[in-house]
Amino acid sequence: MKLSKSRILLIPAVCLVFIAIACATKPFLKVQYQLPAPSRTLAGEKVVLAVSDLRERKVFLTENAKKALKDFSGTFSLVVLQADGSGNLVGAFDLITLLTEVFQQRLKNAGVRVAAAADTAESELKIEVEQFKLDFASRKWIVSMNYRASLFKNGKLLSREAVGGEAERLKVMGKNDAEKALGELISDTANKLNLAGLFQQARQ
């Protein structure tokens, strides 16, 4: 079957439209957080979650990344992906509220109930962010994160774990590749936290 000349000319035009849409600027970065397989290992546990920013420089983008993402407003949209591949758009957040939501999802996925901050009788899980940075160098997006997780009861430190990681993506489709690297890093570092180990140490 032969295509008409008009249809042949239409094909590259449609491709250009899709490329333009993919490269269109937007003031936020989309983060896709991939949950691990659900577990009930910690069912019955309950904690208050507190995420704090301990970075020396409260800047997410390096100068090179800022130039490449000149329209970024500091807002992140979060999509939480289940182990079966389904996903839900949770909302828009700044950096610390984004990470708070990610760790809430991680805790709930492990069977842990997240209590209100006013419930001082409960154990408290503190996530202290020491580094969170997106760089752009040699046509690559490079994102890194380090944090410390500490479990307290009545103000007493019971267990602690340090977690860090880095992800990078070659820039092919502009901001999309930065978002992929960001989602991979957050998924890896949030899921790397050994929640069962923290609670086990706390019981000893």
Protein backbone atom coordinates (compact mmCIF):
# COMPACT_ATOMS: atom_id res chain seq x y z
CA MET A 1 0.00 0.00 0.00
CA LYS A 2 1.49 3.35 -1.09
CA LEU A 3 1.20 6.45 1.07
CA SER A 4 0.09 9.68 -0.56
CA LYS A 5 2.60 12.51 -0.82
CA SER A 6 0.65 14.58 1.72
CA ARG A 7 0.77 11.76 4.28
CA ILE A 8 4.50 11.28 3.74
CA LEU A 9 5.06 14.98 4.45
CA LEU A 10 2.81 14.75 7.51
CA ILE A 11 4.94 12.11 9.27
CA PRO A 12 8.01 14.32 9.95
CA ALA A 13 5.71 17.18 10.98
CA VAL A 14 4.03 14.98 13.61
CA CYS A 15 7.46 13.85 14.86
CA LEU A 16 8.53 17.47 15.25
CA VAL A 17 5.40 18.21 17.30
CA PHE A 18 6.14 15.33 19.69
CA ILE A 19 9.76 16.47 20.06
CA ALA A 20 8.62 20.04 20.76
CA ILE A 21 6.19 18.81 23.44
CA ALA A 22 8.87 16.64 25.07
CA CYS A 23 11.31 19.55 25.16
CA ALA A 24 8.79 22.15 26.34
CA THR A 25 9.87 23.95 29.48
CA LYS A 26 7.91 23.63 32.72
CA PRO A 27 8.58 25.22 36.11
CA PHE A 28 8.69 21.92 38.05
CA LEU A 29 10.54 18.60 38.03
CA LYS A 30 8.57 15.35 37.95
CA VAL A 31 9.78 12.70 40.41
CA GLN A 32 8.69 9.09 40.00
CA TYR A 33 9.28 7.19 43.23
CA GLN A 34 9.28 3.40 42.76
CA LEU A 35 8.14 1.59 45.89
CA PRO A 36 9.68 -1.81 46.68
CA ALA A 37 7.46 -4.89 46.99
CA PRO A 38 5.04 -4.34 49.90
CA SER A 39 5.89 -6.01 53.21
CA ARG A 40 4.13 -6.55 56.54
CA THR A 41 7.38 -7.23 58.42
CA LEU A 42 6.92 -4.11 60.54
CA ALA A 43 3.14 -4.29 60.90
CA GLY A 44 2.14 -2.87 64.28
CA GLU A 45 5.04 -0.43 64.49
CA LYS A 46 4.19 3.27 64.74
CA VAL A 47 6.46 6.30 64.41
CA VAL A 48 6.43 10.05 64.11
CA LEU A 49 8.38 11.07 61.00
CA ALA A 50 10.53 14.21 60.91
CA VAL A 51 12.60 15.22 57.87
CA SER A 52 15.07 18.08 58.26
CA ASP A 53 17.48 19.87 55.94
CA LEU A 54 21.05 19.86 57.31
CA ARG A 55 22.77 20.80 54.05
CA GLU A 56 25.46 23.45 54.41
CA ARG A 57 24.23 25.12 51.22
CA LYS A 58 20.45 25.08 50.81
CA VAL A 59 20.78 24.96 47.03
CA PHE A 60 19.56 22.02 44.96
CA LEU A 61 20.98 23.09 41.58
CA THR A 62 24.63 23.80 40.81
CA GLU A 63 25.33 26.82 38.61
CA ASN A 64 25.57 24.65 35.48
CA ALA A 65 22.31 22.86 36.30
CA LYS A 66 20.61 26.20 37.04
CA LYS A 67 21.52 27.46 33.57
CA ALA A 68 20.16 24.28 31.97
CA LEU A 69 16.95 24.40 34.06
CA LYS A 70 16.37 28.15 34.03
CA ASP A 71 12.57 27.74 34.36
CA PHE A 72 12.70 25.48 37.44
CA SER A 73 10.79 27.09 40.32
CA GLY A 74 11.87 24.74 43.11
CA THR A 75 8.67 22.69 42.91
CA PHE A 76 8.54 18.90 42.44
CA SER A 77 5.56 16.83 41.36
CA LEU A 78 5.53 13.34 42.86
CA VAL A 79 4.24 10.16 41.23
CA VAL A 80 4.35 7.06 43.42
CA LEU A 81 4.76 3.81 41.46
CA GLN A 82 3.59 0.55 43.02
CA ALA A 83 5.47 -2.73 42.60
CA ASP A 84 2.86 -3.84 40.02
CA GLY A 85 3.66 -0.83 37.80
CA SER A 86 0.57 1.23 38.62
CA GLY A 87 1.12 4.82 39.68
CA ASN A 88 -0.58 7.74 41.41
CA LEU A 89 0.11 11.45 41.18
CA VAL A 90 0.35 12.52 44.83
CA GLY A 91 0.86 16.27 44.47
CA ALA A 92 3.33 19.14 44.25
CA PHE A 93 5.96 19.77 46.94
CA ASP A 94 9.10 21.67 47.83
CA LEU A 95 12.22 19.59 48.54
CA ILE A 96 11.68 18.74 52.21
CA THR A 97 7.95 18.05 51.90
CA LEU A 98 8.74 15.91 48.84
CA LEU A 99 11.17 13.76 50.85
CA THR A 100 8.73 13.65 53.77
CA GLU A 101 6.04 12.24 51.48
CA VAL A 102 8.49 9.74 49.94
CA PHE A 103 9.52 8.38 53.36
CA GLN A 104 5.90 8.27 54.52
CA GLN A 105 5.11 6.12 51.50
CA ARG A 106 8.14 3.93 52.26
CA LEU A 107 7.09 3.42 55.89
CA LYS A 108 3.48 2.64 55.05
CA ASN A 109 4.62 0.20 52.37
CA ALA A 110 6.56 -1.68 55.09
CA GLY A 111 3.52 -1.82 57.39
CA VAL A 112 4.55 1.05 59.69
CA ARG A 113 1.88 3.52 60.82
CA VAL A 114 2.95 7.18 60.62
CA ALA A 115 1.65 9.11 63.62
CA ALA A 116 0.99 12.83 63.93
CA ALA A 117 3.93 14.94 65.09
CA ALA A 118 2.01 15.91 68.24
CA ASP A 119 2.00 12.27 69.41
CA THR A 120 5.15 12.53 71.55
CA ALA A 121 4.59 9.12 73.17
CA GLU A 122 5.56 7.37 69.96
CA SER A 123 8.97 6.51 68.55
CA GLU A 124 10.39 9.12 66.20
CA LEU A 125 12.20 8.49 62.94
CA LYS A 126 14.39 11.46 62.03
CA ILE A 127 15.66 11.80 58.46
CA GLU A 128 18.43 14.40 58.29
CA VAL A 129 19.34 15.38 54.73
CA GLU A 130 23.05 16.18 54.51
CA GLN A 131 23.39 16.45 50.72
CA PHE A 132 20.93 16.72 47.84
CA LYS A 133 22.31 18.19 44.64
CA LEU A 134 21.71 18.16 40.88
CA ASP A 135 24.65 18.98 38.61
CA PHE A 136 25.08 19.16 34.84
CA ALA A 137 28.51 18.40 33.40
CA SER A 138 29.87 16.80 30.21
CA ARG A 139 26.31 16.56 28.85
CA LYS A 140 25.28 14.48 31.87
CA TRP A 141 22.79 15.10 34.65
CA ILE A 142 24.37 14.00 37.95
CA VAL A 143 22.28 13.91 41.11
CA SER A 144 23.50 12.88 44.57
CA MET A 145 21.94 12.49 47.99
CA ASN A 146 23.15 11.63 51.50
CA TYR A 147 21.04 11.40 54.62
CA ARG A 148 21.10 10.02 58.15
CA ALA A 149 18.15 8.07 59.60
CA SER A 150 17.84 7.88 63.39
CA LEU A 151 15.20 6.14 65.50
CA PHE A 152 14.42 7.70 68.90
CA LYS A 153 12.16 6.77 71.82
CA ASN A 154 11.49 9.36 74.54
CA GLY A 155 14.41 11.40 73.22
CA LYS A 156 16.85 8.49 73.45
CA LEU A 157 18.72 7.39 70.32
CA LEU A 158 18.00 3.70 69.68
CA SER A 159 19.48 3.09 66.21
CA ARG A 160 21.00 4.97 63.30
CA GLU A 161 21.93 4.41 59.65
CA ALA A 162 23.67 6.58 57.04
CA VAL A 163 22.54 6.23 53.43
CA GLY A 164 23.88 7.81 50.23
CA GLY A 165 23.81 7.41 46.50
CA GLU A 166 24.34 8.97 43.09
CA ALA A 167 22.65 8.66 39.69
CA GLU A 168 23.45 10.09 36.30
CA ARG A 169 21.83 10.31 32.89
CA LEU A 170 23.12 11.51 29.54
CA LYS A 171 21.19 14.57 28.36
CA VAL A 172 19.18 13.50 25.32
CA MET A 173 15.73 14.99 25.87
CA GLY A 174 16.65 17.89 28.16
CA LYS A 175 14.74 18.03 31.44
CA ASN A 176 13.26 14.53 30.97
CA ASP A 177 16.65 12.93 31.58
CA ALA A 178 17.21 15.03 34.72
CA GLU A 179 13.84 13.82 36.01
CA LYS A 180 14.74 10.19 35.30
CA ALA A 181 18.03 10.51 37.18
CA LEU A 182 16.22 12.21 40.07
CA GLY A 183 13.56 9.50 40.28
CA GLU A 184 16.17 6.74 40.15
CA LEU A 185 18.22 8.33 42.92
CA ILE A 186 15.29 8.94 45.28
CA SER A 187 13.93 5.42 44.69
CA ASP A 188 17.34 3.86 45.32
CA THR A 189 18.27 5.85 48.43
CA ALA A 190 14.82 5.74 50.07
CA ASN A 191 14.49 1.99 49.48
CA LYS A 192 18.08 1.32 50.59
CA LEU A 193 17.19 2.34 54.14
CA ASN A 194 17.06 -0.83 56.25
CA LEU A 195 13.89 -0.14 58.22
CA ALA A 196 13.72 -3.66 59.65
CA GLY A 197 17.32 -3.31 60.85
CA LEU A 198 16.60 0.02 62.54
CA PHE A 199 13.67 -1.40 64.50
CA GLN A 200 15.55 -4.59 65.33
CA GLN A 201 18.46 -2.61 66.78
CA ALA A 202 16.00 -0.49 68.75
CA ARG A 203 14.57 -3.59 70.46
CA GLN A 204 17.96 -4.80 71.67
